[in-house]
């Protein structure tokens, strides 16, 4: 039997993009879809709907469909996939996650990957292997370029994101005119942006959002992601752009984001 590529699908459009890309390449996919979370458009591909916590059933379905490779993709609080009502086969993972739960998302993700690869014998592959068209490249992809003050602040933003990421608190920060305006915590990037919007901070011209891979995380799961809503919030806050690591971040609505950025004199820059 020809092997298939499994997809563990969270919310959003990325699982669909991965499935379509794999199918277009001539390979077969099988998707584990989560009730109440996964986009229903996933149903045009071979799939099985499961509830939160049915990790044992998920692994069984992947093996039954000859999946020797798995892509975990789509927004979700990763721990919730497994900590909520685990099935009998998932109890081993449940107890492993319980031990590392206070160490942060990166430790939880590493534990999950170890369980899938070592215990279940299924290789975990990063979604970036299949989504090269929406990976952030190096340089500026918009007509508007970062200003000199923005370029000067990139090092400060990198250092800040690395410190936040090393603590496993978040992936992002806001920097403007030589100052850190906000840092992401466990509530996520959108929460940080809405907080900044509510505070109506002045003198943010040339400022930007930077989002980076945590230095302690496995890059195969949970790569930094930005979309059109992120860019619109940046514009509302009064910032001038977004800075990402090249080949380590997804631009979900790439064309729409570039068009919006060009129309509003914003930059999207890869370092």
C-alpha atoms as a PDB file:
ATOM      1  CA  UNK A   1       0.000   0.000   0.000  1.00  0.00           C
ATOM      2  CA  UNK A   2       1.289   3.482  -0.914  1.00  0.00           C
ATOM      3  CA  UNK A   3       2.072   5.537   2.177  1.00  0.00           C
ATOM      4  CA  UNK A   4       0.203   8.784   2.835  1.00  0.00           C
ATOM      5  CA  UNK A   5       1.100  12.011   4.600  1.00  0.00           C
ATOM      6  CA  UNK A   6      -1.007  12.646   7.687  1.00  0.00           C
ATOM      7  CA  UNK A   7      -2.123  16.114   8.754  1.00  0.00           C
ATOM      8  CA  UNK A   8      -3.191  16.985  12.294  1.00  0.00           C
ATOM      9  CA  UNK A   9      -5.334  20.014  11.510  1.00  0.00           C
ATOM     10  CA  UNK A  10      -5.919  22.939  13.849  1.00  0.00           C
ATOM     11  CA  UNK A  11      -7.956  26.026  12.980  1.00  0.00           C
ATOM     12  CA  UNK A  12      -7.492  28.392  10.061  1.00  0.00           C
ATOM     13  CA  UNK A  13      -6.630  27.892   6.400  1.00  0.00           C
ATOM     14  CA  UNK A  14      -3.078  26.566   6.714  1.00  0.00           C
ATOM     15  CA  UNK A  15      -4.116  22.888   7.075  1.00  0.00           C
ATOM     16  CA  UNK A  16      -6.089  23.233   3.842  1.00  0.00           C
ATOM     17  CA  UNK A  17      -3.119  24.860   2.095  1.00  0.00           C
ATOM     18  CA  UNK A  18      -0.840  22.024   3.228  1.00  0.00           C
ATOM     19  CA  UNK A  19      -3.316  19.359   2.094  1.00  0.00           C
ATOM     20  CA  UNK A  20      -3.780  20.994  -1.309  1.00  0.00           C
ATOM     21  CA  UNK A  21      -0.046  21.397  -1.873  1.00  0.00           C
ATOM     22  CA  UNK A  22       0.634  17.757  -1.008  1.00  0.00           C
ATOM     23  CA  UNK A  23      -2.248  16.569  -3.219  1.00  0.00           C
ATOM     24  CA  UNK A  24      -1.081  18.749  -6.115  1.00  0.00           C
ATOM     25  CA  UNK A  25       2.351  17.114  -5.862  1.00  0.00           C
ATOM     26  CA  UNK A  26       0.723  13.728  -6.520  1.00  0.00           C
ATOM     27  CA  UNK A  27       0.873  12.393  -2.968  1.00  0.00           C
ATOM     28  CA  UNK A  28      -2.051  11.225  -0.839  1.00  0.00           C
ATOM     29  CA  UNK A  29      -3.116  12.802   2.449  1.00  0.00           C
ATOM     30  CA  UNK A  30      -5.215  11.767   5.427  1.00  0.00           C
ATOM     31  CA  UNK A  31      -6.401  14.424   7.848  1.00  0.00           C
ATOM     32  CA  UNK A  32      -7.233  14.263  11.529  1.00  0.00           C
ATOM     33  CA  UNK A  33      -9.814  17.033  11.965  1.00  0.00           C
ATOM     34  CA  UNK A  34     -10.824  18.333  15.400  1.00  0.00           C
ATOM     35  CA  UNK A  35     -14.517  18.908  16.114  1.00  0.00           C
ATOM     36  CA  UNK A  36     -15.279  22.539  16.798  1.00  0.00           C
ATOM     37  CA  UNK A  37     -11.854  23.688  15.609  1.00  0.00           C
ATOM     38  CA  UNK A  38     -10.862  22.531  12.124  1.00  0.00           C
ATOM     39  CA  UNK A  39     -12.240  24.367   9.077  1.00  0.00           C
ATOM     40  CA  UNK A  40     -14.996  22.262   7.466  1.00  0.00           C
ATOM     41  CA  UNK A  41     -13.466  22.855   4.023  1.00  0.00           C
ATOM     42  CA  UNK A  42     -11.017  20.119   5.022  1.00  0.00           C
ATOM     43  CA  UNK A  43     -13.781  17.614   4.212  1.00  0.00           C
ATOM     44  CA  UNK A  44     -12.875  17.653   0.520  1.00  0.00           C
ATOM     45  CA  UNK A  45      -9.836  15.576   1.482  1.00  0.00           C
ATOM     46  CA  UNK A  46      -9.818  12.109   3.119  1.00  0.00           C
ATOM     47  CA  UNK A  47     -10.343  12.768   6.819  1.00  0.00           C
ATOM     48  CA  UNK A  48     -11.652  11.664  10.198  1.00  0.00           C
ATOM     49  CA  UNK A  49     -13.351  13.964  12.705  1.00  0.00           C
ATOM     50  CA  UNK A  50     -12.248  13.415  16.321  1.00  0.00           C
ATOM     51  CA  UNK A  51     -12.777  15.339  19.551  1.00  0.00           C
ATOM     52  CA  UNK A  52     -10.130  16.953  21.721  1.00  0.00           C
ATOM     53  CA  UNK A  53      -7.967  14.427  23.509  1.00  0.00           C
ATOM     54  CA  UNK A  54      -8.508  11.432  21.225  1.00  0.00           C
ATOM     55  CA  UNK A  55      -4.786  11.112  20.553  1.00  0.00           C
ATOM     56  CA  UNK A  56      -4.896   7.317  20.714  1.00  0.00           C
ATOM     57  CA  UNK A  57      -7.688   7.189  18.137  1.00  0.00           C
ATOM     58  CA  UNK A  58      -5.804   9.703  16.000  1.00  0.00           C
ATOM     59  CA  UNK A  59      -2.639   7.590  15.952  1.00  0.00           C
ATOM     60  CA  UNK A  60      -4.687   4.479  15.168  1.00  0.00           C
ATOM     61  CA  UNK A  61      -6.402   6.220  12.232  1.00  0.00           C
ATOM     62  CA  UNK A  62      -3.069   7.478  10.890  1.00  0.00           C
ATOM     63  CA  UNK A  63      -1.547   3.979  10.966  1.00  0.00           C
ATOM     64  CA  UNK A  64      -4.711   2.442   9.492  1.00  0.00           C
ATOM     65  CA  UNK A  65      -4.360   4.875   6.573  1.00  0.00           C
ATOM     66  CA  UNK A  66      -0.659   4.041   6.083  1.00  0.00           C
ATOM     67  CA  UNK A  67       0.629   7.427   7.236  1.00  0.00           C
ATOM     68  CA  UNK A  68       4.308   7.260   8.116  1.00  0.00           C
ATOM     69  CA  UNK A  69       4.673  11.047   8.184  1.00  0.00           C
ATOM     70  CA  UNK A  70       2.639  13.698  10.048  1.00  0.00           C
ATOM     71  CA  UNK A  71       2.323  17.468   9.681  1.00  0.00           C
ATOM     72  CA  UNK A  72       0.909  19.304  12.721  1.00  0.00           C
ATOM     73  CA  UNK A  73      -0.460  22.635  11.494  1.00  0.00           C
ATOM     74  CA  UNK A  74      -3.095  25.235  12.328  1.00  0.00           C
ATOM     75  CA  UNK A  75      -3.757  27.561  15.212  1.00  0.00           C
ATOM     76  CA  UNK A  76      -4.664  26.089  18.579  1.00  0.00           C
ATOM     77  CA  UNK A  77      -3.375  25.970  22.105  1.00  0.00           C
ATOM     78  CA  UNK A  78      -1.394  22.780  21.550  1.00  0.00           C
ATOM     79  CA  UNK A  79      -1.846  21.394  25.111  1.00  0.00           C
ATOM     80  CA  UNK A  80      -5.614  21.467  24.756  1.00  0.00           C
ATOM     81  CA  UNK A  81      -5.436  18.888  21.970  1.00  0.00           C
ATOM     82  CA  UNK A  82      -4.398  16.289  24.481  1.00  0.00           C
ATOM     83  CA  UNK A  83      -5.141  17.448  28.020  1.00  0.00           C
ATOM     84  CA  UNK A  84      -8.897  17.623  27.528  1.00  0.00           C
ATOM     85  CA  UNK A  85     -10.518  14.205  28.076  1.00  0.00           C
ATOM     86  CA  UNK A  86      -7.665  11.991  26.822  1.00  0.00           C
ATOM     87  CA  UNK A  87      -8.681   8.574  25.527  1.00  0.00           C
ATOM     88  CA  UNK A  88      -7.185   5.445  27.065  1.00  0.00           C
ATOM     89  CA  UNK A  89      -4.331   5.211  24.564  1.00  0.00           C
ATOM     90  CA  UNK A  90      -3.505   8.863  25.117  1.00  0.00           C
ATOM     91  CA  UNK A  91      -3.070   8.530  28.898  1.00  0.00           C
ATOM     92  CA  UNK A  92       0.666   7.824  28.570  1.00  0.00           C
ATOM     93  CA  UNK A  93       1.080  11.136  26.759  1.00  0.00           C
ATOM     94  CA  UNK A  94      -1.277  12.855  29.189  1.00  0.00           C
ATOM     95  CA  UNK A  95       0.933  12.006  32.168  1.00  0.00           C
ATOM     96  CA  UNK A  96       4.081  13.061  30.295  1.00  0.00           C
ATOM     97  CA  UNK A  97       2.492  16.421  29.475  1.00  0.00           C
ATOM     98  CA  UNK A  98       1.290  16.838  33.037  1.00  0.00           C
ATOM     99  CA  UNK A  99       4.917  16.676  34.211  1.00  0.00           C
ATOM    100  CA  UNK A 100       6.131  19.410  31.837  1.00  0.00           C
ATOM    101  CA  UNK A 101       3.000  21.597  31.739  1.00  0.00           C
ATOM    102  CA  UNK A 102       4.611  24.405  33.767  1.00  0.00           C
ATOM    103  CA  UNK A 103       7.655  24.567  31.481  1.00  0.00           C
ATOM    104  CA  UNK A 104       5.725  26.224  28.643  1.00  0.00           C
ATOM    105  CA  UNK A 105       4.526  25.451  25.126  1.00  0.00           C
ATOM    106  CA  UNK A 106       7.964  24.556  23.738  1.00  0.00           C
ATOM    107  CA  UNK A 107       8.417  21.743  26.276  1.00  0.00           C
ATOM    108  CA  UNK A 108       4.885  20.521  25.662  1.00  0.00           C
ATOM    109  CA  UNK A 109       5.405  20.463  21.893  1.00  0.00           C
ATOM    110  CA  UNK A 110       8.707  18.588  22.236  1.00  0.00           C
ATOM    111  CA  UNK A 111       6.971  16.005  24.442  1.00  0.00           C
ATOM    112  CA  UNK A 112       4.194  15.566  21.881  1.00  0.00           C
ATOM    113  CA  UNK A 113       6.678  15.167  19.022  1.00  0.00           C
ATOM    114  CA  UNK A 114       8.694  12.626  21.018  1.00  0.00           C
ATOM    115  CA  UNK A 115       5.517  10.630  21.714  1.00  0.00           C
ATOM    116  CA  UNK A 116       4.507  10.604  18.045  1.00  0.00           C
ATOM    117  CA  UNK A 117       7.970   9.712  16.719  1.00  0.00           C
ATOM    118  CA  UNK A 118       9.395   7.417  19.402  1.00  0.00           C
ATOM    119  CA  UNK A 119       6.275   5.739  20.791  1.00  0.00           C
ATOM    120  CA  UNK A 120       4.088   5.742  17.685  1.00  0.00           C
ATOM    121  CA  UNK A 121       6.810   5.515  15.031  1.00  0.00           C
ATOM    122  CA  UNK A 122       5.425   8.310  12.848  1.00  0.00           C
ATOM    123  CA  UNK A 123       7.827  10.985  11.573  1.00  0.00           C
ATOM    124  CA  UNK A 124       6.810  14.604  12.268  1.00  0.00           C
ATOM    125  CA  UNK A 125       7.549  16.958   9.352  1.00  0.00           C
ATOM    126  CA  UNK A 126       7.398  20.755   9.444  1.00  0.00           C
ATOM    127  CA  UNK A 127       4.670  22.444   7.405  1.00  0.00           C
ATOM    128  CA  UNK A 128       7.352  24.740   5.942  1.00  0.00           C
ATOM    129  CA  UNK A 129       8.435  21.813   3.750  1.00  0.00           C
ATOM    130  CA  UNK A 130       5.100  22.109   1.906  1.00  0.00           C
ATOM    131  CA  UNK A 131       4.307  25.827   2.301  1.00  0.00           C
ATOM    132  CA  UNK A 132       7.425  27.333   0.732  1.00  0.00           C
ATOM    133  CA  UNK A 133       5.313  29.840  -1.235  1.00  0.00           C
ATOM    134  CA  UNK A 134       4.158  31.600   1.953  1.00  0.00           C
ATOM    135  CA  UNK A 135       7.423  31.415   3.884  1.00  0.00           C
ATOM    136  CA  UNK A 136       8.894  34.852   4.588  1.00  0.00           C
ATOM    137  CA  UNK A 137      11.894  35.480   2.299  1.00  0.00           C
ATOM    138  CA  UNK A 138      14.903  37.636   3.119  1.00  0.00           C
ATOM    139  CA  UNK A 139      14.535  41.346   2.398  1.00  0.00           C
ATOM    140  CA  UNK A 140      11.532  43.621   1.877  1.00  0.00           C
ATOM    141  CA  UNK A 141       8.531  42.261  -0.047  1.00  0.00           C
ATOM    142  CA  UNK A 142       6.624  45.569  -0.133  1.00  0.00           C
ATOM    143  CA  UNK A 143       7.118  48.811  -2.046  1.00  0.00           C
ATOM    144  CA  UNK A 144       7.667  50.676   1.218  1.00  0.00           C
ATOM    145  CA  UNK A 145      11.076  50.029   2.773  1.00  0.00           C
ATOM    146  CA  UNK A 146      11.987  50.106   6.485  1.00  0.00           C
ATOM    147  CA  UNK A 147      13.267  53.524   7.500  1.00  0.00           C
ATOM    148  CA  UNK A 148      16.680  54.062   9.034  1.00  0.00           C
ATOM    149  CA  UNK A 149      15.229  54.233  12.544  1.00  0.00           C
ATOM    150  CA  UNK A 150      13.400  50.956  11.890  1.00  0.00           C
ATOM    151  CA  UNK A 151      16.598  49.249  10.720  1.00  0.00           C
ATOM    152  CA  UNK A 152      18.444  50.560  13.779  1.00  0.00           C
ATOM    153  CA  UNK A 153      15.777  49.073  16.055  1.00  0.00           C
ATOM    154  CA  UNK A 154      15.853  45.562  14.555  1.00  0.00           C
ATOM    155  CA  UNK A 155      18.723  44.437  16.781  1.00  0.00           C
ATOM    156  CA  UNK A 156      16.834  45.627  19.889  1.00  0.00           C
ATOM    157  CA  UNK A 157      13.729  43.785  18.683  1.00  0.00           C
ATOM    158  CA  UNK A 158      15.700  40.582  18.021  1.00  0.00           C
ATOM    159  CA  UNK A 159      17.274  40.651  21.464  1.00  0.00           C
ATOM    160  CA  UNK A 160      13.889  41.277  23.087  1.00  0.00           C
ATOM    161  CA  UNK A 161      12.171  38.457  21.183  1.00  0.00           C
ATOM    162  CA  UNK A 162      14.994  36.057  22.041  1.00  0.00           C
ATOM    163  CA  UNK A 163      14.659  36.857  25.753  1.00  0.00           C
ATOM    164  CA  UNK A 164      10.875  36.442  25.664  1.00  0.00           C
ATOM    165  CA  UNK A 165      11.204  33.236  23.632  1.00  0.00           C
ATOM    166  CA  UNK A 166      13.864  31.760  25.895  1.00  0.00           C
ATOM    167  CA  UNK A 167      11.404  32.064  28.784  1.00  0.00           C
ATOM    168  CA  UNK A 168       8.751  30.405  26.558  1.00  0.00           C
ATOM    169  CA  UNK A 169       6.436  33.381  27.113  1.00  0.00           C
ATOM    170  CA  UNK A 170       5.913  34.404  23.488  1.00  0.00           C
ATOM    171  CA  UNK A 171       7.348  35.056  20.028  1.00  0.00           C
ATOM    172  CA  UNK A 172       6.826  38.772  19.449  1.00  0.00           C
ATOM    173  CA  UNK A 173       7.424  42.357  20.541  1.00  0.00           C
ATOM    174  CA  UNK A 174       6.699  45.923  19.433  1.00  0.00           C
ATOM    175  CA  UNK A 175       9.604  48.352  19.082  1.00  0.00           C
ATOM    176  CA  UNK A 176       9.633  52.032  18.078  1.00  0.00           C
ATOM    177  CA  UNK A 177      12.255  54.779  18.205  1.00  0.00           C
ATOM    178  CA  UNK A 178      14.735  52.821  20.296  1.00  0.00           C
ATOM    179  CA  UNK A 179      12.175  51.615  22.841  1.00  0.00           C
ATOM    180  CA  UNK A 180      10.381  48.334  23.469  1.00  0.00           C
ATOM    181  CA  UNK A 181       6.682  49.209  23.488  1.00  0.00           C
ATOM    182  CA  UNK A 182       5.219  45.797  24.303  1.00  0.00           C
ATOM    183  CA  UNK A 183       6.182  42.129  24.548  1.00  0.00           C
ATOM    184  CA  UNK A 184       4.048  39.084  23.876  1.00  0.00           C
ATOM    185  CA  UNK A 185       3.063  36.829  26.768  1.00  0.00           C
ATOM    186  CA  UNK A 186       1.128  33.552  26.949  1.00  0.00           C
ATOM    187  CA  UNK A 187      -2.009  35.371  25.710  1.00  0.00           C
ATOM    188  CA  UNK A 188      -0.557  35.623  22.213  1.00  0.00           C
ATOM    189  CA  UNK A 189       0.272  38.209  19.559  1.00  0.00           C
ATOM    190  CA  UNK A 190      -3.253  39.485  18.918  1.00  0.00           C
ATOM    191  CA  UNK A 191      -3.762  40.151  22.641  1.00  0.00           C
ATOM    192  CA  UNK A 192      -0.554  42.209  22.711  1.00  0.00           C
ATOM    193  CA  UNK A 193      -1.651  44.178  19.641  1.00  0.00           C
ATOM    194  CA  UNK A 194      -5.158  44.902  20.954  1.00  0.00           C
ATOM    195  CA  UNK A 195      -3.657  46.033  24.263  1.00  0.00           C
ATOM    196  CA  UNK A 196      -1.356  48.431  22.388  1.00  0.00           C
ATOM    197  CA  UNK A 197      -4.314  49.678  20.345  1.00  0.00           C
ATOM    198  CA  UNK A 198      -6.364  50.345  23.488  1.00  0.00           C
ATOM    199  CA  UNK A 199      -3.498  52.289  25.096  1.00  0.00           C
ATOM    200  CA  UNK A 200      -3.264  54.663  22.103  1.00  0.00           C
ATOM    201  CA  UNK A 201       0.528  55.086  22.294  1.00  0.00           C
ATOM    202  CA  UNK A 202       1.996  58.176  20.579  1.00  0.00           C
ATOM    203  CA  UNK A 203       5.155  58.617  18.474  1.00  0.00           C
ATOM    204  CA  UNK A 204       5.207  55.140  16.916  1.00  0.00           C
ATOM    205  CA  UNK A 205       6.197  56.294  13.428  1.00  0.00           C
ATOM    206  CA  UNK A 206       8.726  53.831  12.011  1.00  0.00           C
ATOM    207  CA  UNK A 207       7.918  51.305  14.722  1.00  0.00           C
ATOM    208  CA  UNK A 208       7.148  47.677  13.954  1.00  0.00           C
ATOM    209  CA  UNK A 209       6.051  44.261  15.141  1.00  0.00           C
ATOM    210  CA  UNK A 210       8.791  41.648  15.210  1.00  0.00           C
ATOM    211  CA  UNK A 211       7.916  37.988  15.471  1.00  0.00           C
ATOM    212  CA  UNK A 212      10.574  35.275  15.764  1.00  0.00           C
ATOM    213  CA  UNK A 213      10.972  31.580  16.367  1.00  0.00           C
ATOM    214  CA  UNK A 214      11.593  30.842  20.044  1.00  0.00           C
ATOM    215  CA  UNK A 215      15.228  29.746  20.487  1.00  0.00           C
ATOM    216  CA  UNK A 216      14.064  26.740  22.539  1.00  0.00           C
ATOM    217  CA  UNK A 217      11.272  25.494  20.275  1.00  0.00           C
ATOM    218  CA  UNK A 218      11.200  22.734  17.673  1.00  0.00           C
ATOM    219  CA  UNK A 219      10.765  24.527  14.308  1.00  0.00           C
ATOM    220  CA  UNK A 220       8.601  21.743  12.910  1.00  0.00           C
ATOM    221  CA  UNK A 221       5.554  22.937  14.875  1.00  0.00           C
ATOM    222  CA  UNK A 222       4.195  26.408  15.605  1.00  0.00           C
ATOM    223  CA  UNK A 223       6.272  28.575  13.280  1.00  0.00           C
ATOM    224  CA  UNK A 224       5.466  32.283  13.741  1.00  0.00           C
ATOM    225  CA  UNK A 225       2.499  33.269  11.603  1.00  0.00           C
ATOM    226  CA  UNK A 226       1.082  36.626  10.502  1.00  0.00           C
ATOM    227  CA  UNK A 227      -1.988  37.403   8.438  1.00  0.00           C
ATOM    228  CA  UNK A 228      -3.980  40.345   7.118  1.00  0.00           C
ATOM    229  CA  UNK A 229      -5.620  40.972  10.510  1.00  0.00           C
ATOM    230  CA  UNK A 230      -2.150  41.376  12.049  1.00  0.00           C
ATOM    231  CA  UNK A 231      -1.208  43.964   9.440  1.00  0.00           C
ATOM    232  CA  UNK A 232      -4.464  45.891   9.841  1.00  0.00           C
ATOM    233  CA  UNK A 233      -3.892  46.071  13.604  1.00  0.00           C
ATOM    234  CA  UNK A 234      -0.353  47.321  12.999  1.00  0.00           C
ATOM    235  CA  UNK A 235      -1.787  50.084  10.838  1.00  0.00           C
ATOM    236  CA  UNK A 236      -4.450  51.013  13.413  1.00  0.00           C
ATOM    237  CA  UNK A 237      -1.887  51.182  16.217  1.00  0.00           C
ATOM    238  CA  UNK A 238       0.245  53.595  14.192  1.00  0.00           C
ATOM    239  CA  UNK A 239       3.200  51.289  13.556  1.00  0.00           C
ATOM    240  CA  UNK A 240       4.916  51.157  10.180  1.00  0.00           C
ATOM    241  CA  UNK A 241       5.500  47.480   9.504  1.00  0.00           C
ATOM    242  CA  UNK A 242       6.349  43.905  10.359  1.00  0.00           C
ATOM    243  CA  UNK A 243       9.772  42.265  10.658  1.00  0.00           C
ATOM    244  CA  UNK A 244      10.114  38.469  10.488  1.00  0.00           C
ATOM    245  CA  UNK A 245      12.904  35.915  10.258  1.00  0.00           C
ATOM    246  CA  UNK A 246      13.389  34.689   6.713  1.00  0.00           C
ATOM    247  CA  UNK A 247      12.332  31.068   6.146  1.00  0.00           C
ATOM    248  CA  UNK A 248      11.043  30.871   9.735  1.00  0.00           C
ATOM    249  CA  UNK A 249       7.602  32.502   9.477  1.00  0.00           C
ATOM    250  CA  UNK A 250       4.416  32.099   7.456  1.00  0.00           C
ATOM    251  CA  UNK A 251       2.644  34.991   5.717  1.00  0.00           C
ATOM    252  CA  UNK A 252      -0.848  33.526   5.523  1.00  0.00           C
ATOM    253  CA  UNK A 253      -2.612  36.059   3.269  1.00  0.00           C
ATOM    254  CA  UNK A 254       0.487  36.963   1.295  1.00  0.00           C
ATOM    255  CA  UNK A 255      -0.964  38.792  -1.725  1.00  0.00           C
ATOM    256  CA  UNK A 256      -3.650  40.534   0.333  1.00  0.00           C
ATOM    257  CA  UNK A 257      -1.049  41.598   2.896  1.00  0.00           C
ATOM    258  CA  UNK A 258       1.332  42.986   0.269  1.00  0.00           C
ATOM    259  CA  UNK A 259      -1.505  44.889  -1.438  1.00  0.00           C
ATOM    260  CA  UNK A 260      -2.692  46.333   1.888  1.00  0.00           C
ATOM    261  CA  UNK A 261       0.854  47.257   2.920  1.00  0.00           C
ATOM    262  CA  UNK A 262       1.524  49.002  -0.389  1.00  0.00           C
ATOM    263  CA  UNK A 263      -1.760  50.930  -0.171  1.00  0.00           C
ATOM    264  CA  UNK A 264      -0.967  52.097   3.375  1.00  0.00           C
ATOM    265  CA  UNK A 265       2.802  52.689   3.106  1.00  0.00           C
ATOM    266  CA  UNK A 266       3.663  49.793   5.421  1.00  0.00           C
ATOM    267  CA  UNK A 267       6.648  47.468   5.140  1.00  0.00           C
ATOM    268  CA  UNK A 268       7.062  43.701   5.552  1.00  0.00           C
ATOM    269  CA  UNK A 269      10.725  42.848   5.970  1.00  0.00           C
ATOM    270  CA  UNK A 270      12.625  39.579   6.427  1.00  0.00           C
ATOM    271  CA  UNK A 271      15.951  39.319   8.270  1.00  0.00           C
END
